[in-house]
Amino acid sequence: MFTIEHEFDATVITLVDEGSAPLQEDVVINGFAECVTLEQFDPRTDRVVTITLSPSQLRELAAALDLPEGVYRLKPSEKGAQDTE
């Protein structure tokens, strides 16, 4: 399950782990104009861990989800979409 909320300066997506145990803590994704942050509570340290991605890292992550093992670089295509080389 996930939720989407539009706030003043960000879009916030929360991913809720459902199903059989063991379940992971919720992941909160904050989409800002200049970056995307991923936050998850770590019960081992009793702290929230934050990872910050630049827009280009986010595009590369999205492309990587559908590609086989290898080394890639995204390059702009003529229509504004991203191609891999």
C-alpha atoms as a PDB file:
ATOM      1  CA  MET A   1       0.000   0.000   0.000  1.00  0.00           C
ATOM      2  CA  PHE A   2       1.174   3.561  -0.577  1.00  0.00           C
ATOM      3  CA  THR A   3      -0.077   7.092  -0.057  1.00  0.00           C
ATOM      4  CA  ILE A   4       0.592  10.286  -2.032  1.00  0.00           C
ATOM      5  CA  GLU A   5       0.302  13.751  -0.511  1.00  0.00           C
ATOM      6  CA  HIS A   6       1.031  17.087  -2.172  1.00  0.00           C
ATOM      7  CA  GLU A   7       2.472  19.601   0.263  1.00  0.00           C
ATOM      8  CA  PHE A   8       3.609  23.188  -0.268  1.00  0.00           C
ATOM      9  CA  ASP A   9       7.176  22.386  -1.335  1.00  0.00           C
ATOM     10  CA  ALA A  10       7.158  18.619  -1.913  1.00  0.00           C
ATOM     11  CA  THR A  11       5.246  15.570  -2.987  1.00  0.00           C
ATOM     12  CA  VAL A  12       5.347  12.965  -0.224  1.00  0.00           C
ATOM     13  CA  ILE A  13       4.924   9.268  -1.013  1.00  0.00           C
ATOM     14  CA  THR A  14       4.781   6.740   1.820  1.00  0.00           C
ATOM     15  CA  LEU A  15       5.337   3.057   1.049  1.00  0.00           C
ATOM     16  CA  VAL A  16       3.792   0.719   3.632  1.00  0.00           C
ATOM     17  CA  ASP A  17       5.118  -2.852   3.766  1.00  0.00           C
ATOM     18  CA  GLU A  18       2.182  -5.279   3.903  1.00  0.00           C
ATOM     19  CA  GLY A  19       1.977  -9.031   3.892  1.00  0.00           C
ATOM     20  CA  SER A  20       3.583 -11.732   5.941  1.00  0.00           C
ATOM     21  CA  ALA A  21       6.276 -11.081   8.518  1.00  0.00           C
ATOM     22  CA  PRO A  22       8.977  -9.945   8.684  1.00  0.00           C
ATOM     23  CA  LEU A  23       7.770  -6.522   7.622  1.00  0.00           C
ATOM     24  CA  GLN A  24      10.024  -3.522   6.993  1.00  0.00           C
ATOM     25  CA  GLU A  25       9.430  -0.011   8.330  1.00  0.00           C
ATOM     26  CA  ASP A  26       7.543   2.480   6.135  1.00  0.00           C
ATOM     27  CA  VAL A  27       9.588   4.315   3.494  1.00  0.00           C
ATOM     28  CA  VAL A  28       8.815   8.020   3.069  1.00  0.00           C
ATOM     29  CA  ILE A  29       9.848   9.605  -0.241  1.00  0.00           C
ATOM     30  CA  ASN A  30       9.957  13.408  -0.401  1.00  0.00           C
ATOM     31  CA  GLY A  31      10.091  14.831  -3.924  1.00  0.00           C
ATOM     32  CA  PHE A  32      11.470  18.377  -4.010  1.00  0.00           C
ATOM     33  CA  ALA A  33      12.445  20.430  -7.088  1.00  0.00           C
ATOM     34  CA  GLU A  34      16.177  20.025  -6.371  1.00  0.00           C
ATOM     35  CA  CYS A  35      16.325  16.514  -4.870  1.00  0.00           C
ATOM     36  CA  VAL A  36      14.461  13.447  -3.648  1.00  0.00           C
ATOM     37  CA  THR A  37      14.915  12.076  -0.145  1.00  0.00           C
ATOM     38  CA  LEU A  38      14.126   8.572   1.067  1.00  0.00           C
ATOM     39  CA  GLU A  39      13.587   8.127   4.801  1.00  0.00           C
ATOM     40  CA  GLN A  40      13.137   4.955   6.846  1.00  0.00           C
ATOM     41  CA  PHE A  41      13.184   4.352  10.582  1.00  0.00           C
ATOM     42  CA  ASP A  42      15.961   1.958  11.654  1.00  0.00           C
ATOM     43  CA  PRO A  43      14.829   0.113  14.800  1.00  0.00           C
ATOM     44  CA  ARG A  44      18.396  -1.121  15.438  1.00  0.00           C
ATOM     45  CA  THR A  45      19.670   2.444  15.947  1.00  0.00           C
ATOM     46  CA  ASP A  46      16.324   4.031  16.905  1.00  0.00           C
ATOM     47  CA  ARG A  47      16.941   6.716  14.247  1.00  0.00           C
ATOM     48  CA  VAL A  48      15.541   7.723  10.864  1.00  0.00           C
ATOM     49  CA  VAL A  49      17.996   7.099   8.017  1.00  0.00           C
ATOM     50  CA  THR A  50      17.851   9.567   5.101  1.00  0.00           C
ATOM     51  CA  ILE A  51      19.229   9.112   1.596  1.00  0.00           C
ATOM     52  CA  THR A  52      19.288  12.091  -0.791  1.00  0.00           C
ATOM     53  CA  LEU A  53      19.240  11.611  -4.583  1.00  0.00           C
ATOM     54  CA  SER A  54      19.791  14.271  -7.216  1.00  0.00           C
ATOM     55  CA  PRO A  55      17.335  14.421 -10.130  1.00  0.00           C
ATOM     56  CA  SER A  56      19.884  12.680 -12.393  1.00  0.00           C
ATOM     57  CA  GLN A  57      20.430   9.885  -9.858  1.00  0.00           C
ATOM     58  CA  LEU A  58      16.669   9.379  -9.652  1.00  0.00           C
ATOM     59  CA  ARG A  59      16.396   9.136 -13.462  1.00  0.00           C
ATOM     60  CA  GLU A  60      19.248   6.609 -13.499  1.00  0.00           C
ATOM     61  CA  LEU A  61      17.613   4.564 -10.746  1.00  0.00           C
ATOM     62  CA  ALA A  62      14.319   4.473 -12.659  1.00  0.00           C
ATOM     63  CA  ALA A  63      16.133   3.345 -15.836  1.00  0.00           C
ATOM     64  CA  ALA A  64      18.192   0.754 -13.954  1.00  0.00           C
ATOM     65  CA  LEU A  65      15.100  -1.050 -12.692  1.00  0.00           C
ATOM     66  CA  ASP A  66      14.377  -2.294 -16.239  1.00  0.00           C
ATOM     67  CA  LEU A  67      17.905  -3.059 -17.468  1.00  0.00           C
ATOM     68  CA  PRO A  68      20.059  -6.190 -17.290  1.00  0.00           C
ATOM     69  CA  GLU A  69      23.419  -6.326 -15.517  1.00  0.00           C
ATOM     70  CA  GLY A  70      26.001  -3.952 -17.016  1.00  0.00           C
ATOM     71  CA  VAL A  71      27.379  -0.408 -17.029  1.00  0.00           C
ATOM     72  CA  TYR A  72      25.221   2.334 -18.518  1.00  0.00           C
ATOM     73  CA  ARG A  73      25.097   6.100 -19.047  1.00  0.00           C
ATOM     74  CA  LEU A  74      21.845   7.904 -19.816  1.00  0.00           C
ATOM     75  CA  LYS A  75      21.914  10.266 -22.747  1.00  0.00           C
ATOM     76  CA  PRO A  76      19.151  12.673 -23.793  1.00  0.00           C
ATOM     77  CA  SER A  77      17.119  11.631 -26.814  1.00  0.00           C
ATOM     78  CA  GLU A  78      15.627  13.950 -29.426  1.00  0.00           C
ATOM     79  CA  LYS A  79      12.161  13.811 -27.847  1.00  0.00           C
ATOM     80  CA  GLY A  80      13.307  14.614 -24.298  1.00  0.00           C
ATOM     81  CA  ALA A  81      13.166  11.018 -23.059  1.00  0.00           C
ATOM     82  CA  GLN A  82      16.275   9.217 -21.862  1.00  0.00           C
ATOM     83  CA  ASP A  83      18.157   6.601 -23.861  1.00  0.00           C
ATOM     84  CA  THR A  84      20.927   4.367 -22.527  1.00  0.00           C
ATOM     85  CA  GLU A  85      24.281   3.788 -24.125  1.00  0.00           C
END
